[in-house]
Amino acid sequence: PDKNATTAPFKKINTALSFEKTTPYQVQLSDLDIVNHANNVKYLEWCLNQIDAKIIFKQQIKSLEMNFMKELNLFDTIEIVSNDSNFDILKEEKPCYALEIKISEPK
């Protein structure tokens, strides 16, 4: 009877935060799925590549919240912007994806 996949409800991530810009990225052939859009997993990978690897190696990621707003295509130029635990992927200054990472203290 309970049709929720998670214990917490989904939420809309605030994309109006103040972000520090990072290196632009251009969508590559290897990023595409069967319908020639960037695969959903790639959005997450692009953001995770921006964080300190120690956070991943020490298994400090408690949870991920993701919002997909717009598909990306081959050769689209995007900008990954971030602050401490939030990431946005922008195309032409408009959000395509938002990620909020909850990080635990090191053990």
PDB file of N, CA and C in Angstrom:
ATOM      1  N   PRO A   1       0.803  -1.212   0.000  1.00  0.00           N
ATOM      2  CA  PRO A   1       0.000   0.000   0.000  1.00  0.00           C
ATOM      3  C   PRO A   1       0.845   1.276   0.000  1.00  0.00           C
ATOM      4  N   ASP A   2       2.022   1.208   0.628  1.00  0.00           N
ATOM      5  CA  ASP A   2       2.898   2.389   0.666  1.00  0.00           C
ATOM      6  C   ASP A   2       3.698   2.423  -0.624  1.00  0.00           C
ATOM      7  N   LYS A   3       3.474   3.436  -1.449  1.00  0.00           N
ATOM      8  CA  LYS A   3       4.116   3.497  -2.762  1.00  0.00           C
ATOM      9  C   LYS A   3       5.284   4.464  -2.815  1.00  0.00           C
ATOM     10  N   ASN A   4       5.802   4.867  -1.670  1.00  0.00           N
ATOM     11  CA  ASN A   4       6.949   5.764  -1.626  1.00  0.00           C
ATOM     12  C   ASN A   4       8.238   4.956  -1.674  1.00  0.00           C
ATOM     13  N   ALA A   5       9.170   5.401  -2.510  1.00  0.00           N
ATOM     14  CA  ALA A   5      10.444   4.706  -2.643  1.00  0.00           C
ATOM     15  C   ALA A   5      11.421   5.070  -1.532  1.00  0.00           C
ATOM     16  N   THR A   6      11.187   6.191  -0.873  1.00  0.00           N
ATOM     17  CA  THR A   6      12.079   6.646   0.193  1.00  0.00           C
ATOM     18  C   THR A   6      11.265   7.064   1.409  1.00  0.00           C
ATOM     19  N   THR A   7      11.936   7.156   2.546  1.00  0.00           N
ATOM     20  CA  THR A   7      11.234   7.574   3.757  1.00  0.00           C
ATOM     21  C   THR A   7      10.984   9.078   3.773  1.00  0.00           C
ATOM     22  N   ALA A   8      11.853   9.843   3.142  1.00  0.00           N
ATOM     23  CA  ALA A   8      11.685  11.299   3.079  1.00  0.00           C
ATOM     24  C   ALA A   8      11.058  11.684   1.732  1.00  0.00           C
ATOM     25  N   PRO A   9      10.182  12.678   1.717  1.00  0.00           N
ATOM     26  CA  PRO A   9       9.586  13.100   0.440  1.00  0.00           C
ATOM     27  C   PRO A   9      10.611  13.820  -0.441  1.00  0.00           C
ATOM     28  N   PHE A  10      10.355  13.825  -1.724  1.00  0.00           N
ATOM     29  CA  PHE A  10      11.208  14.552  -2.658  1.00  0.00           C
ATOM     30  C   PHE A  10      11.007  16.040  -2.458  1.00  0.00           C
ATOM     31  N   LYS A  11      12.018  16.830  -2.800  1.00  0.00           N
ATOM     32  CA  LYS A  11      11.886  18.270  -2.655  1.00  0.00           C
ATOM     33  C   LYS A  11      12.512  18.971  -3.847  1.00  0.00           C
ATOM     34  N   LYS A  12      12.121  20.211  -4.018  1.00  0.00           N
ATOM     35  CA  LYS A  12      12.731  21.041  -5.053  1.00  0.00           C
ATOM     36  C   LYS A  12      13.956  21.711  -4.438  1.00  0.00           C
ATOM     37  N   ILE A  13      15.102  21.561  -5.089  1.00  0.00           N
ATOM     38  CA  ILE A  13      16.353  22.119  -4.601  1.00  0.00           C
ATOM     39  C   ILE A  13      16.420  23.591  -4.978  1.00  0.00           C
ATOM     40  N   ASN A  14      16.869  24.400  -4.046  1.00  0.00           N
ATOM     41  CA  ASN A  14      16.995  25.840  -4.266  1.00  0.00           C
ATOM     42  C   ASN A  14      18.148  26.106  -5.240  1.00  0.00           C
ATOM     43  N   THR A  15      17.855  26.610  -6.431  1.00  0.00           N
ATOM     44  CA  THR A  15      18.891  26.933  -7.418  1.00  0.00           C
ATOM     45  C   THR A  15      19.251  28.416  -7.406  1.00  0.00           C
ATOM     46  N   ALA A  16      18.696  29.155  -6.454  1.00  0.00           N
ATOM     47  CA  ALA A  16      18.980  30.595  -6.375  1.00  0.00           C
ATOM     48  C   ALA A  16      20.070  30.910  -5.354  1.00  0.00           C
ATOM     49  N   LEU A  17      20.799  29.896  -4.928  1.00  0.00           N
ATOM     50  CA  LEU A  17      21.889  30.101  -3.967  1.00  0.00           C
ATOM     51  C   LEU A  17      23.068  30.788  -4.633  1.00  0.00           C
ATOM     52  N   SER A  18      23.980  31.259  -3.826  1.00  0.00           N
ATOM     53  CA  SER A  18      25.218  31.853  -4.332  1.00  0.00           C
ATOM     54  C   SER A  18      26.210  30.726  -4.604  1.00  0.00           C
ATOM     55  N   PHE A  19      26.724  30.662  -5.823  1.00  0.00           N
ATOM     56  CA  PHE A  19      27.614  29.575  -6.223  1.00  0.00           C
ATOM     57  C   PHE A  19      28.967  30.117  -6.671  1.00  0.00           C
ATOM     58  N   GLU A  20      29.962  29.253  -6.524  1.00  0.00           N
ATOM     59  CA  GLU A  20      31.300  29.531  -7.048  1.00  0.00           C
ATOM     60  C   GLU A  20      31.413  28.762  -8.366  1.00  0.00           C
ATOM     61  N   LYS A  21      31.758  29.441  -9.426  1.00  0.00           N
ATOM     62  CA  LYS A  21      31.797  28.783 -10.734  1.00  0.00           C
ATOM     63  C   LYS A  21      33.011  27.873 -10.869  1.00  0.00           C
ATOM     64  N   THR A  22      32.834  26.814 -11.617  1.00  0.00           N
ATOM     65  CA  THR A  22      33.928  25.885 -11.895  1.00  0.00           C
ATOM     66  C   THR A  22      34.153  25.821 -13.397  1.00  0.00           C
ATOM     67  N   THR A  23      34.960  24.895 -13.813  1.00  0.00           N
ATOM     68  CA  THR A  23      35.334  24.769 -15.220  1.00  0.00           C
ATOM     69  C   THR A  23      34.143  24.393 -16.092  1.00  0.00           C
ATOM     70  N   PRO A  24      33.986  25.033 -17.240  1.00  0.00           N
ATOM     71  CA  PRO A  24      32.923  24.621 -18.172  1.00  0.00           C
ATOM     72  C   PRO A  24      33.198  23.212 -18.697  1.00  0.00           C
ATOM     73  N   TYR A  25      32.159  22.595 -19.195  1.00  0.00           N
ATOM     74  CA  TYR A  25      32.271  21.241 -19.737  1.00  0.00           C
ATOM     75  C   TYR A  25      31.430  21.168 -21.002  1.00  0.00           C
ATOM     76  N   GLN A  26      31.884  20.390 -21.976  1.00  0.00           N
ATOM     77  CA  GLN A  26      31.109  20.177 -23.197  1.00  0.00           C
ATOM     78  C   GLN A  26      30.673  18.717 -23.232  1.00  0.00           C
ATOM     79  N   VAL A  27      29.383  18.492 -23.449  1.00  0.00           N
ATOM     80  CA  VAL A  27      28.832  17.138 -23.489  1.00  0.00           C
ATOM     81  C   VAL A  27      29.506  16.345 -24.616  1.00  0.00           C
ATOM     82  N   GLN A  28      30.012  15.170 -24.246  1.00  0.00           N
ATOM     83  CA  GLN A  28      30.758  14.311 -25.168  1.00  0.00           C
ATOM     84  C   GLN A  28      29.898  13.146 -25.659  1.00  0.00           C
ATOM     85  N   LEU A  29      30.351  12.499 -26.698  1.00  0.00           N
ATOM     86  CA  LEU A  29      29.653  11.344 -27.253  1.00  0.00           C
ATOM     87  C   LEU A  29      29.442  10.259 -26.199  1.00  0.00           C
ATOM     88  N   SER A  30      30.446  10.021 -25.379  1.00  0.00           N
ATOM     89  CA  SER A  30      30.350   8.969 -24.354  1.00  0.00           C
ATOM     90  C   SER A  30      29.367   9.323 -23.232  1.00  0.00           C
ATOM     91  N   ASP A  31      28.881  10.549 -23.182  1.00  0.00           N
ATOM     92  CA  ASP A  31      27.902  10.971 -22.172  1.00  0.00           C
ATOM     93  C   ASP A  31      26.469  10.638 -22.572  1.00  0.00           C
ATOM     94  N   LEU A  32      26.252  10.264 -23.833  1.00  0.00           N
ATOM     95  CA  LEU A  32      24.894  10.122 -24.363  1.00  0.00           C
ATOM     96  C   LEU A  32      24.258   8.774 -24.052  1.00  0.00           C
ATOM     97  N   ASP A  33      22.926   8.797 -23.974  1.00  0.00           N
ATOM     98  CA  ASP A  33      22.150   7.570 -23.817  1.00  0.00           C
ATOM     99  C   ASP A  33      21.588   7.155 -25.180  1.00  0.00           C
ATOM    100  N   ILE A  34      20.693   6.211 -25.181  1.00  0.00           N
ATOM    101  CA  ILE A  34      20.175   5.643 -26.427  1.00  0.00           C
ATOM    102  C   ILE A  34      19.353   6.637 -27.255  1.00  0.00           C
ATOM    103  N   VAL A  35      18.820   7.693 -26.622  1.00  0.00           N
ATOM    104  CA  VAL A  35      18.040   8.701 -27.349  1.00  0.00           C
ATOM    105  C   VAL A  35      18.847   9.977 -27.582  1.00  0.00           C
ATOM    106  N   ASN A  36      20.167   9.872 -27.461  1.00  0.00           N
ATOM    107  CA  ASN A  36      21.109  10.958 -27.749  1.00  0.00           C
ATOM    108  C   ASN A  36      20.991  12.170 -26.831  1.00  0.00           C
ATOM    109  N   HIS A  37      20.581  11.929 -25.590  1.00  0.00           N
ATOM    110  CA  HIS A  37      20.628  12.953 -24.549  1.00  0.00           C
ATOM    111  C   HIS A  37      21.697  12.530 -23.554  1.00  0.00           C
ATOM    112  N   ALA A  38      22.209  13.482 -22.789  1.00  0.00           N
ATOM    113  CA  ALA A  38      23.165  13.120 -21.736  1.00  0.00           C
ATOM    114  C   ALA A  38      22.466  12.171 -20.758  1.00  0.00           C
ATOM    115  N   ASN A  39      23.126  11.061 -20.464  1.00  0.00           N
ATOM    116  CA  ASN A  39      22.593  10.074 -19.544  1.00  0.00           C
ATOM    117  C   ASN A  39      22.461  10.701 -18.154  1.00  0.00           C
ATOM    118  N   ASN A  40      21.387  10.380 -17.448  1.00  0.00           N
ATOM    119  CA  ASN A  40      21.140  10.963 -16.128  1.00  0.00           C
ATOM    120  C   ASN A  40      22.295  10.741 -15.160  1.00  0.00           C
ATOM    121  N   VAL A  41      22.951   9.611 -15.236  1.00  0.00           N
ATOM    122  CA  VAL A  41      24.074   9.323 -14.334  1.00  0.00           C
ATOM    123  C   VAL A  41      25.232  10.285 -14.583  1.00  0.00           C
ATOM    124  N   LYS A  42      25.404  10.750 -15.802  1.00  0.00           N
ATOM    125  CA  LYS A  42      26.504  11.663 -16.132  1.00  0.00           C
ATOM    126  C   LYS A  42      26.401  12.975 -15.369  1.00  0.00           C
ATOM    127  N   TYR A  43      25.195  13.496 -15.193  1.00  0.00           N
ATOM    128  CA  TYR A  43      25.012  14.738 -14.443  1.00  0.00           C
ATOM    129  C   TYR A  43      25.625  14.581 -13.045  1.00  0.00           C
ATOM    130  N   LEU A  44      25.302  13.455 -12.391  1.00  0.00           N
ATOM    131  CA  LEU A  44      25.842  13.183 -11.064  1.00  0.00           C
ATOM    132  C   LEU A  44      27.358  13.041 -11.113  1.00  0.00           C
ATOM    133  N   GLU A  45      27.872  12.301 -12.079  1.00  0.00           N
ATOM    134  CA  GLU A  45      29.325  12.112 -12.207  1.00  0.00           C
ATOM    135  C   GLU A  45      30.046  13.445 -12.388  1.00  0.00           C
ATOM    136  N   TRP A  46      29.523  14.319 -13.223  1.00  0.00           N
ATOM    137  CA  TRP A  46      30.163  15.623 -13.455  1.00  0.00           C
ATOM    138  C   TRP A  46      30.270  16.401 -12.146  1.00  0.00           C
ATOM    139  N   CYS A  47      29.229  16.323 -11.319  1.00  0.00           N
ATOM    140  CA  CYS A  47      29.260  17.037 -10.038  1.00  0.00           C
ATOM    141  C   CYS A  47      30.206  16.357  -9.045  1.00  0.00           C
ATOM    142  N   LEU A  48      30.147  15.044  -8.961  1.00  0.00           N
ATOM    143  CA  LEU A  48      31.028  14.339  -8.028  1.00  0.00           C
ATOM    144  C   LEU A  48      32.496  14.546  -8.370  1.00  0.00           C
ATOM    145  N   ASN A  49      32.794  14.750  -9.644  1.00  0.00           N
ATOM    146  CA  ASN A  49      34.176  15.021 -10.045  1.00  0.00           C
ATOM    147  C   ASN A  49      34.676  16.358  -9.505  1.00  0.00           C
ATOM    148  N   GLN A  50      33.774  17.206  -9.014  1.00  0.00           N
ATOM    149  CA  GLN A  50      34.145  18.519  -8.500  1.00  0.00           C
ATOM    150  C   GLN A  50      34.457  18.506  -7.004  1.00  0.00           C
ATOM    151  N   ILE A  51      34.119  17.413  -6.306  1.00  0.00           N
ATOM    152  CA  ILE A  51      34.330  17.406  -4.860  1.00  0.00           C
ATOM    153  C   ILE A  51      35.639  16.722  -4.500  1.00  0.00           C
ATOM    154  N   ASP A  52      36.071  16.920  -3.275  1.00  0.00           N
ATOM    155  CA  ASP A  52      37.294  16.311  -2.762  1.00  0.00           C
ATOM    156  C   ASP A  52      37.108  14.792  -2.725  1.00  0.00           C
ATOM    157  N   ALA A  53      37.999  14.060  -3.356  1.00  0.00           N
ATOM    158  CA  ALA A  53      37.904  12.596  -3.431  1.00  0.00           C
ATOM    159  C   ALA A  53      37.893  11.948  -2.056  1.00  0.00           C
ATOM    160  N   LYS A  54      38.505  12.590  -1.079  1.00  0.00           N
ATOM    161  CA  LYS A  54      38.539  12.026   0.281  1.00  0.00           C
ATOM    162  C   LYS A  54      37.128  11.820   0.830  1.00  0.00           C
ATOM    163  N   ILE A  55      36.215  12.695   0.468  1.00  0.00           N
ATOM    164  CA  ILE A  55      34.827  12.575   0.932  1.00  0.00           C
ATOM    165  C   ILE A  55      34.226  11.261   0.444  1.00  0.00           C
ATOM    166  N   ILE A  56      34.527  10.903  -0.787  1.00  0.00           N
ATOM    167  CA  ILE A  56      34.007   9.654  -1.341  1.00  0.00           C
ATOM    168  C   ILE A  56      34.760   8.460  -0.760  1.00  0.00           C
ATOM    169  N   PHE A  57      36.089   8.535  -0.731  1.00  0.00           N
ATOM    170  CA  PHE A  57      36.893   7.426  -0.220  1.00  0.00           C
ATOM    171  C   PHE A  57      36.584   7.108   1.239  1.00  0.00           C
ATOM    172  N   LYS A  58      36.267   8.139   2.017  1.00  0.00           N
ATOM    173  CA  LYS A  58      35.946   7.947   3.438  1.00  0.00           C
ATOM    174  C   LYS A  58      34.463   7.678   3.667  1.00  0.00           C
ATOM    175  N   GLN A  59      33.714   7.506   2.599  1.00  0.00           N
ATOM    176  CA  GLN A  59      32.285   7.172   2.634  1.00  0.00           C
ATOM    177  C   GLN A  59      31.491   8.156   3.496  1.00  0.00           C
ATOM    178  N   GLN A  60      31.715   9.448   3.249  1.00  0.00           N
ATOM    179  CA  GLN A  60      31.053  10.487   4.019  1.00  0.00           C
ATOM    180  C   GLN A  60      29.747  10.978   3.397  1.00  0.00           C
ATOM    181  N   ILE A  61      29.409  10.524   2.206  1.00  0.00           N
ATOM    182  CA  ILE A  61      28.153  10.969   1.589  1.00  0.00           C
ATOM    183  C   ILE A  61      26.997  10.214   2.240  1.00  0.00           C
ATOM    184  N   LYS A  62      26.116  10.983   2.906  1.00  0.00           N
ATOM    185  CA  LYS A  62      24.959  10.387   3.576  1.00  0.00           C
ATOM    186  C   LYS A  62      23.776  10.254   2.639  1.00  0.00           C
ATOM    187  N   SER A  63      23.569  11.285   1.811  1.00  0.00           N
ATOM    188  CA  SER A  63      22.421  11.238   0.903  1.00  0.00           C
ATOM    189  C   SER A  63      22.630  12.202  -0.253  1.00  0.00           C
ATOM    190  N   LEU A  64      21.894  11.941  -1.319  1.00  0.00           N
ATOM    191  CA  LEU A  64      21.897  12.781  -2.513  1.00  0.00           C
ATOM    192  C   LEU A  64      20.453  13.126  -2.850  1.00  0.00           C
ATOM    193  N   GLU A  65      20.200  14.366  -3.161  1.00  0.00           N
ATOM    194  CA  GLU A  65      18.893  14.809  -3.662  1.00  0.00           C
ATOM    195  C   GLU A  65      19.157  15.424  -5.020  1.00  0.00           C
ATOM    196  N   MET A  66      18.459  14.964  -6.050  1.00  0.00           N
ATOM    197  CA  MET A  66      18.695  15.443  -7.413  1.00  0.00           C
ATOM    198  C   MET A  66      17.404  15.926  -8.044  1.00  0.00           C
ATOM    199  N   ASN A  67      17.506  17.006  -8.805  1.00  0.00           N
ATOM    200  CA  ASN A  67      16.395  17.503  -9.617  1.00  0.00           C
ATOM    201  C   ASN A  67      16.883  17.634 -11.047  1.00  0.00           C
ATOM    202  N   PHE A  68      16.210  16.958 -11.970  1.00  0.00           N
ATOM    203  CA  PHE A  68      16.497  17.089 -13.401  1.00  0.00           C
ATOM    204  C   PHE A  68      15.480  18.046 -13.989  1.00  0.00           C
ATOM    205  N   MET A  69      15.974  19.117 -14.653  1.00  0.00           N
ATOM    206  CA  MET A  69      15.064  20.111 -15.212  1.00  0.00           C
ATOM    207  C   MET A  69      15.059  20.135 -16.738  1.00  0.00           C
ATOM    208  N   LYS A  70      16.208  19.836 -17.352  1.00  0.00           N
ATOM    209  CA  LYS A  70      16.308  19.971 -18.811  1.00  0.00           C
ATOM    210  C   LYS A  70      17.344  18.991 -19.324  1.00  0.00           C
ATOM    211  N   GLU A  71      17.035  18.372 -20.437  1.00  0.00           N
ATOM    212  CA  GLU A  71      17.998  17.440 -21.051  1.00  0.00           C
ATOM    213  C   GLU A  71      19.120  18.203 -21.744  1.00  0.00           C
ATOM    214  N   LEU A  72      20.242  17.527 -21.852  1.00  0.00           N
ATOM    215  CA  LEU A  72      21.407  18.081 -22.545  1.00  0.00           C
ATOM    216  C   LEU A  72      21.742  17.203 -23.728  1.00  0.00           C
ATOM    217  N   ASN A  73      22.314  17.811 -24.768  1.00  0.00           N
ATOM    218  CA  ASN A  73      22.622  17.122 -26.009  1.00  0.00           C
ATOM    219  C   ASN A  73      24.110  17.184 -26.319  1.00  0.00           C
ATOM    220  N   LEU A  74      24.523  16.401 -27.287  1.00  0.00           N
ATOM    221  CA  LEU A  74      25.904  16.357 -27.728  1.00  0.00           C
ATOM    222  C   LEU A  74      26.412  17.765 -28.051  1.00  0.00           C
ATOM    223  N   PHE A  75      27.599  18.074 -27.547  1.00  0.00           N
ATOM    224  CA  PHE A  75      28.309  19.344 -27.747  1.00  0.00           C
ATOM    225  C   PHE A  75      27.699  20.539 -27.014  1.00  0.00           C
ATOM    226  N   ASP A  76      26.646  20.321 -26.207  1.00  0.00           N
ATOM    227  CA  ASP A  76      26.163  21.427 -25.368  1.00  0.00           C
ATOM    228  C   ASP A  76      27.288  21.836 -24.433  1.00  0.00           C
ATOM    229  N   THR A  77      27.486  23.123 -24.277  1.00  0.00           N
ATOM    230  CA  THR A  77      28.458  23.627 -23.316  1.00  0.00           C
ATOM    231  C   THR A  77      27.708  23.976 -22.045  1.00  0.00           C
ATOM    232  N   ILE A  78      28.176  23.411 -20.946  1.00  0.00           N
ATOM    233  CA  ILE A  78      27.531  23.636 -19.660  1.00  0.00           C
ATOM    234  C   ILE A  78      28.533  24.236 -18.680  1.00  0.00           C
ATOM    235  N   GLU A  79      28.004  24.719 -17.582  1.00  0.00           N
ATOM    236  CA  GLU A  79      28.845  25.209 -16.507  1.00  0.00           C
ATOM    237  C   GLU A  79      28.365  24.538 -15.228  1.00  0.00           C
ATOM    238  N   ILE A  80      29.297  23.972 -14.485  1.00  0.00           N
ATOM    239  CA  ILE A  80      28.980  23.349 -13.204  1.00  0.00           C
ATOM    240  C   ILE A  80      29.327  24.364 -12.132  1.00  0.00           C
ATOM    241  N   VAL A  81      28.325  24.773 -11.370  1.00  0.00           N
ATOM    242  CA  VAL A  81      28.543  25.743 -10.302  1.00  0.00           C
ATOM    243  C   VAL A  81      28.269  25.054  -8.974  1.00  0.00           C
ATOM    244  N   SER A  82      28.982  25.482  -7.936  1.00  0.00           N
ATOM    245  CA  SER A  82      28.823  24.807  -6.651  1.00  0.00           C
ATOM    246  C   SER A  82      29.101  25.723  -5.482  1.00  0.00           C
ATOM    247  N   ASN A  83      28.600  25.303  -4.337  1.00  0.00           N
ATOM    248  CA  ASN A  83      29.022  25.838  -3.055  1.00  0.00           C
ATOM    249  C   ASN A  83      29.378  24.614  -2.212  1.00  0.00           C
ATOM    250  N   ASP A  84      29.304  24.663  -0.925  1.00  0.00           N
ATOM    251  CA  ASP A  84      29.766  23.553  -0.095  1.00  0.00           C
ATOM    252  C   ASP A  84      29.138  22.204  -0.450  1.00  0.00           C
ATOM    253  N   SER A  85      27.843  22.156  -0.567  1.00  0.00           N
ATOM    254  CA  SER A  85      27.188  20.866  -0.776  1.00  0.00           C
ATOM    255  C   SER A  85      26.095  20.893  -1.843  1.00  0.00           C
ATOM    256  N   ASN A  86      25.995  21.991  -2.571  1.00  0.00           N
ATOM    257  CA  ASN A  86      25.011  22.099  -3.648  1.00  0.00           C
ATOM    258  C   ASN A  86      25.711  22.342  -4.974  1.00  0.00           C
ATOM    259  N   PHE A  87      25.168  21.744  -6.010  1.00  0.00           N
ATOM    260  CA  PHE A  87      25.702  21.876  -7.358  1.00  0.00           C
ATOM    261  C   PHE A  87      24.559  22.159  -8.307  1.00  0.00           C
ATOM    262  N   ASP A  88      24.807  23.017  -9.271  1.00  0.00           N
ATOM    263  CA  ASP A  88      23.871  23.228 -10.382  1.00  0.00           C
ATOM    264  C   ASP A  88      24.643  23.025 -11.672  1.00  0.00           C
ATOM    265  N   ILE A  89      23.967  22.469 -12.651  1.00  0.00           N
ATOM    266  CA  ILE A  89      24.512  22.412 -14.006  1.00  0.00           C
ATOM    267  C   ILE A  89      23.682  23.385 -14.819  1.00  0.00           C
ATOM    268  N   LEU A  90      24.369  24.359 -15.407  1.00  0.00           N
ATOM    269  CA  LEU A  90      23.707  25.419 -16.150  1.00  0.00           C
ATOM    270  C   LEU A  90      24.037  25.331 -17.632  1.00  0.00           C
ATOM    271  N   LYS A  91      23.044  25.604 -18.441  1.00  0.00           N
ATOM    272  CA  LYS A  91      23.241  25.790 -19.882  1.00  0.00           C
ATOM    273  C   LYS A  91      22.670  27.153 -20.203  1.00  0.00           C
ATOM    274  N   GLU A  92      23.517  28.018 -20.745  1.00  0.00           N
ATOM    275  CA  GLU A  92      23.108  29.386 -21.048  1.00  0.00           C
ATOM    276  C   GLU A  92      22.506  30.055 -19.808  1.00  0.00           C
ATOM    277  N   GLU A  93      23.160  29.820 -18.668  1.00  0.00           N
ATOM    278  CA  GLU A  93      22.812  30.410 -17.368  1.00  0.00           C
ATOM    279  C   GLU A  93      21.475  29.935 -16.800  1.00  0.00           C
ATOM    280  N   LYS A  94      20.888  28.884 -17.377  1.00  0.00           N
ATOM    281  CA  LYS A  94      19.630  28.342 -16.875  1.00  0.00           C
ATOM    282  C   LYS A  94      19.886  26.945 -16.311  1.00  0.00           C
ATOM    283  N   PRO A  95      19.334  26.641 -15.111  1.00  0.00           N
ATOM    284  CA  PRO A  95      19.580  25.337 -14.497  1.00  0.00           C
ATOM    285  C   PRO A  95      18.986  24.180 -15.299  1.00  0.00           C
ATOM    286  N   CYS A  96      19.789  23.151 -15.481  1.00  0.00           N
ATOM    287  CA  CYS A  96      19.354  21.909 -16.113  1.00  0.00           C
ATOM    288  C   CYS A  96      19.257  20.791 -15.081  1.00  0.00           C
ATOM    289  N   TYR A  97      20.023  20.945 -13.993  1.00  0.00           N
ATOM    290  CA  TYR A  97      20.139  19.898 -12.979  1.00  0.00           C
ATOM    291  C   TYR A  97      20.590  20.537 -11.679  1.00  0.00           C
ATOM    292  N   ALA A  98      20.070  20.047 -10.581  1.00  0.00           N
ATOM    293  CA  ALA A  98      20.507  20.507  -9.260  1.00  0.00           C
ATOM    294  C   ALA A  98      20.780  19.289  -8.393  1.00  0.00           C
ATOM    295  N   LEU A  99      21.828  19.382  -7.595  1.00  0.00           N
ATOM    296  CA  LEU A  99      22.231  18.290  -6.708  1.00  0.00           C
ATOM    297  C   LEU A  99      22.523  18.865  -5.327  1.00  0.00           C
ATOM    298  N   GLU A 100      21.966  18.214  -4.318  1.00  0.00           N
ATOM    299  CA  GLU A 100      22.278  18.568  -2.935  1.00  0.00           C
ATOM    300  C   GLU A 100      22.861  17.314  -2.280  1.00  0.00           C
ATOM    301  N   ILE A 101      24.069  17.457  -1.736  1.00  0.00           N
ATOM    302  CA  ILE A 101      24.747  16.333  -1.098  1.00  0.00           C
ATOM    303  C   ILE A 101      24.793  16.589   0.402  1.00  0.00           C
ATOM    304  N   LYS A 102      24.387  15.592   1.169  1.00  0.00           N
ATOM    305  CA  LYS A 102      24.533  15.652   2.627  1.00  0.00           C
ATOM    306  C   LYS A 102      25.785  14.852   2.974  1.00  0.00           C
ATOM    307  N   ILE A 103      26.718  15.511   3.667  1.00  0.00           N
ATOM    308  CA  ILE A 103      28.011  14.902   3.982  1.00  0.00           C
ATOM    309  C   ILE A 103      28.127  14.758   5.499  1.00  0.00           C
ATOM    310  N   SER A 104      28.562  13.588   5.942  1.00  0.00           N
ATOM    311  CA  SER A 104      28.762  13.357   7.379  1.00  0.00           C
ATOM    312  C   SER A 104      30.182  13.757   7.771  1.00  0.00           C
ATOM    313  N   GLU A 105      30.393  13.925   9.042  1.00  0.00           N
ATOM    314  CA  GLU A 105      31.732  14.223   9.567  1.00  0.00           C
ATOM    315  C   GLU A 105      32.632  13.000   9.375  1.00  0.00           C
ATOM    316  N   PRO A 106      33.945  13.234   9.171  1.00  0.00           N
ATOM    317  CA  PRO A 106      34.852  12.086   9.038  1.00  0.00           C
ATOM    318  C   PRO A 106      34.853  11.223  10.288  1.00  0.00           C
ATOM    319  N   LYS A 107      35.034   9.925  10.060  1.00  0.00           N
ATOM    320  CA  LYS A 107      35.042   8.976  11.196  1.00  0.00           C
ATOM    321  C   LYS A 107      36.415   8.873  11.812  1.00  0.00           C
TER     322      LYS A 107
END
